[in-house]
Amino acid sequence: MAPLKGLWEPSLAADDRGLAYGDGCFETLRLSPAGAPLWPWHRRRLLAGAAALAIPLTEDTLDEALRQALTCCEGAAVLKLILTRGSGGRGYAAPEPCEPRLLASLHPLPARPAAHYRDGLATGLCQLRLAQQPALAGLKHLNRLEQVLARREVQQAGWDEGLLLDSAGAPVEFTSMNLFARFGDTLWTPPLTQCGVAGVARALILEQLAAGAGLATTVQMRSLSQLEAADEVFACNSVAGILPVRTLADWQWPVGRATLALQSGWAQIFQ
């Protein structure tokens, strides 16, 4: 594979396919003074996204990008890595061979209100529906216009977050966070085989944190109406962590034991 172009470039070529067509994928990861605790999950997802889009990428390339970021960073921060297929012609057909471009940028760790973690988020139901496309489901690809439009709804309504449904009306995710609910001793989250982003925090909860908190897990479709009967609901992503959901329109849930236990497990990872 040709060497990746663009790491830390201040500008982007006008014919870059990520800019023109969203031809690529990205990761946004939280850095701590101890490094990047969730790097194995982020690297795995970016490699999977690159493979699905047939963009050549290696683990060594990503590890070097992280190493460079950590040498530039002191304390807590957010690293964004954007992988594109590189420059190409005007049409949709991809150049062969391609010269992928990897862009990196460092950002301050955003400060969320402490009340969001303690008391929970006030959320609403977005009117926008997620289109179903199994070939792209789960990937953190660069085509995020659905989330841009949904986030505008959130801002205009004054919610903390907005819940997105699929075209059949089933709950999928929030605009920038995955959805979990507890029913008894079981954590539930929607499958992401038709649409949605398979988040790193979601993967960590399913693969590690839930068992540590003594919780079983299930990944299956549920109707929106069933969510009202949940014992508790929370949202998560790899930068913000785990936040309880206090309300969805007129529905209300307490900050429950599962959310608190998972928040504790999450905090230990970043200590």
C-alpha atoms as a PDB file:
ATOM      1  CA  MET A   1       0.000   0.000   0.000  1.00  0.00           C
ATOM      2  CA  ALA A   2       1.189   3.549  -0.708  1.00  0.00           C
ATOM      3  CA  PRO A   3       2.001   5.649   2.374  1.00  0.00           C
ATOM      4  CA  LEU A   4      -0.966   7.511   3.772  1.00  0.00           C
ATOM      5  CA  LYS A   5      -1.062  11.215   3.031  1.00  0.00           C
ATOM      6  CA  GLY A   6      -2.257  14.100   5.100  1.00  0.00           C
ATOM      7  CA  LEU A   7      -1.561  13.405   8.779  1.00  0.00           C
ATOM      8  CA  TRP A   8      -1.772  16.792  10.545  1.00  0.00           C
ATOM      9  CA  GLU A   9      -2.279  18.598   7.187  1.00  0.00           C
ATOM     10  CA  PRO A  10      -3.829  22.038   7.775  1.00  0.00           C
ATOM     11  CA  SER A  11      -5.810  21.846   4.502  1.00  0.00           C
ATOM     12  CA  LEU A  12      -7.496  19.269   2.305  1.00  0.00           C
ATOM     13  CA  ALA A  13      -7.179  18.798  -1.455  1.00  0.00           C
ATOM     14  CA  ALA A  14     -10.291  19.964  -3.317  1.00  0.00           C
ATOM     15  CA  ASP A  15     -10.516  16.623  -5.142  1.00  0.00           C
ATOM     16  CA  ASP A  16     -10.395  14.512  -1.981  1.00  0.00           C
ATOM     17  CA  ARG A  17     -13.119  11.865  -2.178  1.00  0.00           C
ATOM     18  CA  GLY A  18     -13.976  12.229   1.491  1.00  0.00           C
ATOM     19  CA  LEU A  19     -14.889  15.864   0.837  1.00  0.00           C
ATOM     20  CA  ALA A  20     -16.635  15.183  -2.473  1.00  0.00           C
ATOM     21  CA  TYR A  21     -18.547  11.986  -1.652  1.00  0.00           C
ATOM     22  CA  GLY A  22     -18.074  11.130   2.013  1.00  0.00           C
ATOM     23  CA  ASP A  23     -15.853   8.285   0.801  1.00  0.00           C
ATOM     24  CA  GLY A  24     -14.205   7.302   4.070  1.00  0.00           C
ATOM     25  CA  CYS A  25     -14.703   6.800   7.788  1.00  0.00           C
ATOM     26  CA  PHE A  26     -13.549   8.363  11.039  1.00  0.00           C
ATOM     27  CA  GLU A  27     -12.929   7.882  14.740  1.00  0.00           C
ATOM     28  CA  THR A  28     -13.237  10.320  17.630  1.00  0.00           C
ATOM     29  CA  LEU A  29     -11.418   9.070  20.717  1.00  0.00           C
ATOM     30  CA  ARG A  30     -10.770  10.333  24.181  1.00  0.00           C
ATOM     31  CA  LEU A  31      -7.178  10.692  25.356  1.00  0.00           C
ATOM     32  CA  SER A  32      -6.177  10.738  29.006  1.00  0.00           C
ATOM     33  CA  PRO A  33      -2.867  11.353  30.803  1.00  0.00           C
ATOM     34  CA  ALA A  34      -2.432   7.564  30.712  1.00  0.00           C
ATOM     35  CA  GLY A  35      -2.876   7.393  26.924  1.00  0.00           C
ATOM     36  CA  ALA A  36      -5.840   6.093  24.939  1.00  0.00           C
ATOM     37  CA  PRO A  37      -7.574   3.375  27.007  1.00  0.00           C
ATOM     38  CA  LEU A  38     -10.141   2.573  24.305  1.00  0.00           C
ATOM     39  CA  TRP A  39      -7.678   2.486  21.417  1.00  0.00           C
ATOM     40  CA  PRO A  40      -8.073  -1.268  20.686  1.00  0.00           C
ATOM     41  CA  TRP A  41     -11.808  -0.792  20.084  1.00  0.00           C
ATOM     42  CA  HIS A  42     -11.340   2.363  17.990  1.00  0.00           C
ATOM     43  CA  ARG A  43      -8.610   0.756  15.905  1.00  0.00           C
ATOM     44  CA  ARG A  44     -10.733  -2.349  15.346  1.00  0.00           C
ATOM     45  CA  ARG A  45     -13.704  -0.285  14.186  1.00  0.00           C
ATOM     46  CA  LEU A  46     -11.658   1.938  11.861  1.00  0.00           C
ATOM     47  CA  LEU A  47      -9.990  -1.100  10.297  1.00  0.00           C
ATOM     48  CA  ALA A  48     -13.400  -2.739   9.838  1.00  0.00           C
ATOM     49  CA  GLY A  49     -14.799   0.403   8.238  1.00  0.00           C
ATOM     50  CA  ALA A  50     -11.819   0.683   5.906  1.00  0.00           C
ATOM     51  CA  ALA A  51     -12.194  -2.964   4.909  1.00  0.00           C
ATOM     52  CA  ALA A  52     -15.913  -2.547   4.213  1.00  0.00           C
ATOM     53  CA  LEU A  53     -15.159   0.434   1.955  1.00  0.00           C
ATOM     54  CA  ALA A  54     -12.135  -1.295   0.370  1.00  0.00           C
ATOM     55  CA  ILE A  55      -9.729   1.422   1.515  1.00  0.00           C
ATOM     56  CA  PRO A  56      -6.302  -0.069   2.324  1.00  0.00           C
ATOM     57  CA  LEU A  57      -5.205   0.537   5.908  1.00  0.00           C
ATOM     58  CA  THR A  58      -2.897  -1.197   8.398  1.00  0.00           C
ATOM     59  CA  GLU A  59      -2.718  -1.427  12.176  1.00  0.00           C
ATOM     60  CA  ASP A  60       0.830  -0.049  12.099  1.00  0.00           C
ATOM     61  CA  THR A  61      -0.346   3.089  10.299  1.00  0.00           C
ATOM     62  CA  LEU A  62      -3.001   3.749  12.913  1.00  0.00           C
ATOM     63  CA  ASP A  63      -0.664   2.998  15.826  1.00  0.00           C
ATOM     64  CA  GLU A  64       1.839   5.518  14.435  1.00  0.00           C
ATOM     65  CA  ALA A  65      -0.890   8.149  14.143  1.00  0.00           C
ATOM     66  CA  LEU A  66      -1.817   7.585  17.789  1.00  0.00           C
ATOM     67  CA  ARG A  67       1.825   7.739  18.849  1.00  0.00           C
ATOM     68  CA  GLN A  68       2.248  11.102  17.157  1.00  0.00           C
ATOM     69  CA  ALA A  69      -0.937  12.408  18.763  1.00  0.00           C
ATOM     70  CA  LEU A  70       0.173  11.378  22.245  1.00  0.00           C
ATOM     71  CA  THR A  71       3.506  13.176  21.815  1.00  0.00           C
ATOM     72  CA  CYS A  72       1.572  16.392  21.028  1.00  0.00           C
ATOM     73  CA  CYS A  73      -0.958  16.031  23.804  1.00  0.00           C
ATOM     74  CA  GLU A  74      -0.780  16.777  27.518  1.00  0.00           C
ATOM     75  CA  GLY A  75      -3.630  15.627  29.704  1.00  0.00           C
ATOM     76  CA  ALA A  76      -7.188  14.973  28.580  1.00  0.00           C
ATOM     77  CA  ALA A  77      -8.088  15.662  24.942  1.00  0.00           C
ATOM     78  CA  VAL A  78     -10.007  14.339  21.949  1.00  0.00           C
ATOM     79  CA  LEU A  79      -8.250  12.932  18.884  1.00  0.00           C
ATOM     80  CA  LYS A  80     -10.164  12.809  15.606  1.00  0.00           C
ATOM     81  CA  LEU A  81      -8.876  10.572  12.821  1.00  0.00           C
ATOM     82  CA  ILE A  82     -10.454  10.875   9.365  1.00  0.00           C
ATOM     83  CA  LEU A  83      -9.625   8.297   6.717  1.00  0.00           C
ATOM     84  CA  THR A  84     -10.518   9.059   3.082  1.00  0.00           C
ATOM     85  CA  ARG A  85      -9.840   7.203  -0.133  1.00  0.00           C
ATOM     86  CA  GLY A  86      -7.668  10.168  -1.118  1.00  0.00           C
ATOM     87  CA  SER A  87      -7.827  12.277  -4.248  1.00  0.00           C
ATOM     88  CA  GLY A  88      -9.836  11.146  -7.252  1.00  0.00           C
ATOM     89  CA  GLY A  89     -11.611  12.294 -10.363  1.00  0.00           C
ATOM     90  CA  ARG A  90     -14.921  14.080 -10.715  1.00  0.00           C
ATOM     91  CA  GLY A  91     -17.068  10.933 -11.051  1.00  0.00           C
ATOM     92  CA  TYR A  92     -18.109   8.286  -8.551  1.00  0.00           C
ATOM     93  CA  ALA A  93     -15.705   5.622  -9.847  1.00  0.00           C
ATOM     94  CA  ALA A  94     -12.793   5.263  -7.418  1.00  0.00           C
ATOM     95  CA  PRO A  95      -9.204   5.529  -8.676  1.00  0.00           C
ATOM     96  CA  GLU A  96      -7.239   2.289  -8.833  1.00  0.00           C
ATOM     97  CA  PRO A  97      -4.948   2.096  -7.044  1.00  0.00           C
ATOM     98  CA  CYS A  98      -5.980   4.711  -4.515  1.00  0.00           C
ATOM     99  CA  GLU A  99      -3.716   6.705  -2.212  1.00  0.00           C
ATOM    100  CA  PRO A 100      -5.620   6.939   1.084  1.00  0.00           C
ATOM    101  CA  ARG A 101      -5.376  10.070   3.179  1.00  0.00           C
ATOM    102  CA  LEU A 102      -5.409  10.044   6.986  1.00  0.00           C
ATOM    103  CA  LEU A 103      -6.146  13.355   8.693  1.00  0.00           C
ATOM    104  CA  ALA A 104      -5.646  13.913  12.416  1.00  0.00           C
ATOM    105  CA  SER A 105      -6.680  16.748  14.706  1.00  0.00           C
ATOM    106  CA  LEU A 106      -6.548  17.313  18.456  1.00  0.00           C
ATOM    107  CA  HIS A 107      -9.326  19.064  20.380  1.00  0.00           C
ATOM    108  CA  PRO A 108     -10.045  19.956  24.023  1.00  0.00           C
ATOM    109  CA  LEU A 109     -12.124  17.430  25.921  1.00  0.00           C
ATOM    110  CA  PRO A 110     -15.639  18.954  26.009  1.00  0.00           C
ATOM    111  CA  ALA A 111     -17.001  19.670  29.467  1.00  0.00           C
ATOM    112  CA  ARG A 112     -20.544  18.417  30.014  1.00  0.00           C
ATOM    113  CA  PRO A 113     -22.603  19.722  32.928  1.00  0.00           C
ATOM    114  CA  ALA A 114     -22.202  17.567  36.018  1.00  0.00           C
ATOM    115  CA  ALA A 115     -26.008  17.423  36.230  1.00  0.00           C
ATOM    116  CA  HIS A 116     -26.123  15.406  33.000  1.00  0.00           C
ATOM    117  CA  TYR A 117     -24.207  12.599  34.717  1.00  0.00           C
ATOM    118  CA  ARG A 118     -25.940  12.948  38.078  1.00  0.00           C
ATOM    119  CA  ASP A 119     -29.564  13.710  37.139  1.00  0.00           C
ATOM    120  CA  GLY A 120     -29.767  12.595  33.514  1.00  0.00           C
ATOM    121  CA  LEU A 121     -30.573  13.945  30.056  1.00  0.00           C
ATOM    122  CA  ALA A 122     -33.842  15.453  28.902  1.00  0.00           C
ATOM    123  CA  THR A 123     -34.428  13.977  25.436  1.00  0.00           C
ATOM    124  CA  GLY A 124     -36.990  14.227  22.672  1.00  0.00           C
ATOM    125  CA  LEU A 125     -38.099  12.206  19.691  1.00  0.00           C
ATOM    126  CA  CYS A 126     -36.651  13.375  16.377  1.00  0.00           C
ATOM    127  CA  GLN A 127     -38.936  13.604  13.357  1.00  0.00           C
ATOM    128  CA  LEU A 128     -36.118  12.526  11.040  1.00  0.00           C
ATOM    129  CA  ARG A 129     -36.004   8.771  10.436  1.00  0.00           C
ATOM    130  CA  LEU A 130     -32.815   6.822   9.769  1.00  0.00           C
ATOM    131  CA  ALA A 131     -32.662   5.240   6.334  1.00  0.00           C
ATOM    132  CA  GLN A 132     -31.978   1.509   6.302  1.00  0.00           C
ATOM    133  CA  GLN A 133     -28.832   0.489   4.424  1.00  0.00           C
ATOM    134  CA  PRO A 134     -27.299  -2.815   5.602  1.00  0.00           C
ATOM    135  CA  ALA A 135     -24.104  -2.283   3.578  1.00  0.00           C
ATOM    136  CA  LEU A 136     -23.259   0.756   5.721  1.00  0.00           C
ATOM    137  CA  ALA A 137     -24.994  -0.153   8.990  1.00  0.00           C
ATOM    138  CA  GLY A 138     -22.750   0.036  12.036  1.00  0.00           C
ATOM    139  CA  LEU A 139     -19.950   1.891  10.237  1.00  0.00           C
ATOM    140  CA  LYS A 140     -18.779   5.318  11.330  1.00  0.00           C
ATOM    141  CA  HIS A 141     -18.583   6.508   7.741  1.00  0.00           C
ATOM    142  CA  LEU A 142     -18.297  10.124   6.631  1.00  0.00           C
ATOM    143  CA  ASN A 143     -21.918  10.411   5.405  1.00  0.00           C
ATOM    144  CA  ARG A 144     -23.471  11.952   8.518  1.00  0.00           C
ATOM    145  CA  LEU A 145     -26.104  14.303   7.087  1.00  0.00           C
ATOM    146  CA  GLU A 146     -28.874  12.447   8.915  1.00  0.00           C
ATOM    147  CA  GLN A 147     -27.183  13.244  12.217  1.00  0.00           C
ATOM    148  CA  VAL A 148     -26.580  16.861  11.178  1.00  0.00           C
ATOM    149  CA  LEU A 149     -30.287  17.342  10.435  1.00  0.00           C
ATOM    150  CA  ALA A 150     -31.335  15.510  13.590  1.00  0.00           C
ATOM    151  CA  ARG A 151     -28.994  17.592  15.723  1.00  0.00           C
ATOM    152  CA  ARG A 152     -30.638  20.719  14.321  1.00  0.00           C
ATOM    153  CA  GLU A 153     -33.941  19.375  15.640  1.00  0.00           C
ATOM    154  CA  VAL A 154     -32.358  18.886  19.064  1.00  0.00           C
ATOM    155  CA  GLN A 155     -30.988  22.414  19.128  1.00  0.00           C
ATOM    156  CA  GLN A 156     -34.250  23.980  18.007  1.00  0.00           C
ATOM    157  CA  ALA A 157     -36.251  22.014  20.579  1.00  0.00           C
ATOM    158  CA  GLY A 158     -33.815  22.699  23.428  1.00  0.00           C
ATOM    159  CA  TRP A 159     -33.323  19.014  24.305  1.00  0.00           C
ATOM    160  CA  ASP A 160     -30.086  17.545  25.602  1.00  0.00           C
ATOM    161  CA  GLU A 161     -30.322  14.736  23.005  1.00  0.00           C
ATOM    162  CA  GLY A 162     -32.718  13.353  20.424  1.00  0.00           C
ATOM    163  CA  LEU A 163     -33.809   9.754  19.854  1.00  0.00           C
ATOM    164  CA  LEU A 164     -33.737   8.503  16.266  1.00  0.00           C
ATOM    165  CA  LEU A 165     -36.066   5.825  14.909  1.00  0.00           C
ATOM    166  CA  ASP A 166     -35.693   3.731  11.774  1.00  0.00           C
ATOM    167  CA  SER A 167     -38.150   3.838   8.873  1.00  0.00           C
ATOM    168  CA  ALA A 168     -40.350   1.264  10.633  1.00  0.00           C
ATOM    169  CA  GLY A 169     -40.543   3.375  13.804  1.00  0.00           C
ATOM    170  CA  ALA A 170     -38.229   1.260  15.986  1.00  0.00           C
ATOM    171  CA  PRO A 171     -35.719   3.034  18.277  1.00  0.00           C
ATOM    172  CA  VAL A 172     -32.109   2.873  17.050  1.00  0.00           C
ATOM    173  CA  GLU A 173     -29.846   5.480  18.708  1.00  0.00           C
ATOM    174  CA  PHE A 174     -29.501   9.076  19.808  1.00  0.00           C
ATOM    175  CA  THR A 175     -27.955  11.647  17.470  1.00  0.00           C
ATOM    176  CA  SER A 176     -24.434  11.077  18.800  1.00  0.00           C
ATOM    177  CA  MET A 177     -24.855   8.342  21.383  1.00  0.00           C
ATOM    178  CA  ASN A 178     -26.005   4.740  21.562  1.00  0.00           C
ATOM    179  CA  LEU A 179     -29.151   3.704  23.419  1.00  0.00           C
ATOM    180  CA  PHE A 180     -29.386   1.230  26.316  1.00  0.00           C
ATOM    181  CA  ALA A 181     -32.227   0.316  28.672  1.00  0.00           C
ATOM    182  CA  ARG A 182     -32.478  -2.050  31.637  1.00  0.00           C
ATOM    183  CA  PHE A 183     -35.372  -4.471  31.966  1.00  0.00           C
ATOM    184  CA  GLY A 184     -34.914  -6.352  35.242  1.00  0.00           C
ATOM    185  CA  ASP A 185     -31.398  -7.785  35.278  1.00  0.00           C
ATOM    186  CA  THR A 186     -30.898  -7.501  31.522  1.00  0.00           C
ATOM    187  CA  LEU A 187     -29.433  -4.642  29.534  1.00  0.00           C
ATOM    188  CA  TRP A 188     -31.019  -4.121  26.144  1.00  0.00           C
ATOM    189  CA  THR A 189     -29.679  -2.243  23.117  1.00  0.00           C
ATOM    190  CA  PRO A 190     -30.975  -2.232  19.530  1.00  0.00           C
ATOM    191  CA  PRO A 191     -29.235  -4.235  16.801  1.00  0.00           C
ATOM    192  CA  LEU A 192     -27.464  -2.080  14.218  1.00  0.00           C
ATOM    193  CA  THR A 193     -27.725  -4.350  11.202  1.00  0.00           C
ATOM    194  CA  GLN A 194     -29.862  -1.973   9.124  1.00  0.00           C
ATOM    195  CA  CYS A 195     -28.735   1.481  10.262  1.00  0.00           C
ATOM    196  CA  GLY A 196     -26.981   3.299  13.088  1.00  0.00           C
ATOM    197  CA  VAL A 197     -23.405   3.514  14.369  1.00  0.00           C
ATOM    198  CA  ALA A 198     -21.867   0.679  16.377  1.00  0.00           C
ATOM    199  CA  GLY A 199     -20.242   2.804  19.059  1.00  0.00           C
ATOM    200  CA  VAL A 200     -17.060   1.966  20.923  1.00  0.00           C
ATOM    201  CA  ALA A 201     -18.699   2.603  24.300  1.00  0.00           C
ATOM    202  CA  ARG A 202     -21.550   0.304  23.262  1.00  0.00           C
ATOM    203  CA  ALA A 203     -19.050  -2.435  22.371  1.00  0.00           C
ATOM    204  CA  LEU A 204     -17.203  -2.038  25.658  1.00  0.00           C
ATOM    205  CA  ILE A 205     -20.424  -2.307  27.652  1.00  0.00           C
ATOM    206  CA  LEU A 206     -21.563  -5.413  25.774  1.00  0.00           C
ATOM    207  CA  GLU A 207     -18.167  -7.129  25.820  1.00  0.00           C
ATOM    208  CA  GLN A 208     -16.881  -6.203  29.274  1.00  0.00           C
ATOM    209  CA  LEU A 209     -18.643  -3.736  31.568  1.00  0.00           C
ATOM    210  CA  ALA A 210     -22.097  -5.345  31.706  1.00  0.00           C
ATOM    211  CA  ALA A 211     -20.770  -8.655  32.978  1.00  0.00           C
ATOM    212  CA  GLY A 212     -18.654  -6.820  35.546  1.00  0.00           C
ATOM    213  CA  ALA A 213     -21.834  -5.171  36.823  1.00  0.00           C
ATOM    214  CA  GLY A 214     -23.655  -8.526  37.004  1.00  0.00           C
ATOM    215  CA  LEU A 215     -25.948  -7.768  34.076  1.00  0.00           C
ATOM    216  CA  ALA A 216     -27.007  -9.964  31.173  1.00  0.00           C
ATOM    217  CA  THR A 217     -27.306  -8.340  27.740  1.00  0.00           C
ATOM    218  CA  THR A 218     -29.661  -8.695  24.804  1.00  0.00           C
ATOM    219  CA  VAL A 219     -29.444  -7.130  21.344  1.00  0.00           C
ATOM    220  CA  GLN A 220     -32.802  -7.244  19.575  1.00  0.00           C
ATOM    221  CA  MET A 221     -35.452  -5.039  18.024  1.00  0.00           C
ATOM    222  CA  ARG A 222     -38.044  -3.567  20.365  1.00  0.00           C
ATOM    223  CA  SER A 223     -40.908  -1.224  19.652  1.00  0.00           C
ATOM    224  CA  LEU A 224     -40.737   2.333  20.905  1.00  0.00           C
ATOM    225  CA  SER A 225     -43.722   1.710  23.194  1.00  0.00           C
ATOM    226  CA  GLN A 226     -41.819  -1.006  25.073  1.00  0.00           C
ATOM    227  CA  LEU A 227     -39.192   1.536  26.103  1.00  0.00           C
ATOM    228  CA  GLU A 228     -41.689   3.207  28.430  1.00  0.00           C
ATOM    229  CA  ALA A 229     -41.651   0.084  30.650  1.00  0.00           C
ATOM    230  CA  ALA A 230     -37.862   0.100  31.099  1.00  0.00           C
ATOM    231  CA  ASP A 231     -36.482   0.313  34.634  1.00  0.00           C
ATOM    232  CA  GLU A 232     -33.868   2.817  33.468  1.00  0.00           C
ATOM    233  CA  VAL A 233     -32.432   4.224  30.245  1.00  0.00           C
ATOM    234  CA  PHE A 234     -29.007   5.607  29.443  1.00  0.00           C
ATOM    235  CA  ALA A 235     -26.970   6.924  26.520  1.00  0.00           C
ATOM    236  CA  CYS A 236     -23.277   6.459  25.824  1.00  0.00           C
ATOM    237  CA  ASN A 237     -20.402   7.331  23.553  1.00  0.00           C
ATOM    238  CA  SER A 238     -16.638   7.031  23.832  1.00  0.00           C
ATOM    239  CA  VAL A 239     -15.982  10.718  24.582  1.00  0.00           C
ATOM    240  CA  ALA A 240     -18.824  11.564  26.967  1.00  0.00           C
ATOM    241  CA  GLY A 241     -19.045   8.162  28.633  1.00  0.00           C
ATOM    242  CA  ILE A 242     -22.331   6.966  30.168  1.00  0.00           C
ATOM    243  CA  LEU A 243     -25.190   9.373  30.879  1.00  0.00           C
ATOM    244  CA  PRO A 244     -28.589   8.508  32.362  1.00  0.00           C
ATOM    245  CA  VAL A 245     -31.670   9.507  30.392  1.00  0.00           C
ATOM    246  CA  ARG A 246     -34.178  11.207  32.671  1.00  0.00           C
ATOM    247  CA  THR A 247     -36.992  11.915  30.217  1.00  0.00           C
ATOM    248  CA  LEU A 248     -38.105  11.212  26.664  1.00  0.00           C
ATOM    249  CA  ALA A 249     -40.985  13.601  25.956  1.00  0.00           C
ATOM    250  CA  ASP A 250     -43.537  12.674  28.675  1.00  0.00           C
ATOM    251  CA  TRP A 251     -41.834   9.445  29.758  1.00  0.00           C
ATOM    252  CA  GLN A 252     -39.601   9.476  32.844  1.00  0.00           C
ATOM    253  CA  TRP A 253     -37.036   7.091  34.317  1.00  0.00           C
ATOM    254  CA  PRO A 254     -34.917   7.183  37.480  1.00  0.00           C
ATOM    255  CA  VAL A 255     -31.139   7.156  37.492  1.00  0.00           C
ATOM    256  CA  GLY A 256     -30.814   3.431  38.085  1.00  0.00           C
ATOM    257  CA  ARG A 257     -28.343   1.002  39.576  1.00  0.00           C
ATOM    258  CA  ALA A 258     -27.072  -0.251  36.225  1.00  0.00           C
ATOM    259  CA  THR A 259     -26.214   3.247  35.051  1.00  0.00           C
ATOM    260  CA  LEU A 260     -24.390   4.014  38.288  1.00  0.00           C
ATOM    261  CA  ALA A 261     -22.451   0.734  38.207  1.00  0.00           C
ATOM    262  CA  LEU A 262     -21.437   1.226  34.584  1.00  0.00           C
ATOM    263  CA  GLN A 263     -20.432   4.833  35.238  1.00  0.00           C
ATOM    264  CA  SER A 264     -18.144   3.558  37.994  1.00  0.00           C
ATOM    265  CA  GLY A 265     -16.588   0.972  35.691  1.00  0.00           C
ATOM    266  CA  TRP A 266     -16.122   3.593  32.992  1.00  0.00           C
ATOM    267  CA  ALA A 267     -14.410   5.996  35.405  1.00  0.00           C
ATOM    268  CA  GLN A 268     -11.907   3.318  36.406  1.00  0.00           C
ATOM    269  CA  ILE A 269     -10.847   2.917  32.770  1.00  0.00           C
ATOM    270  CA  PHE A 270      -9.864   6.587  32.523  1.00  0.00           C
ATOM    271  CA  GLN A 271      -8.264   6.944  35.970  1.00  0.00           C
END
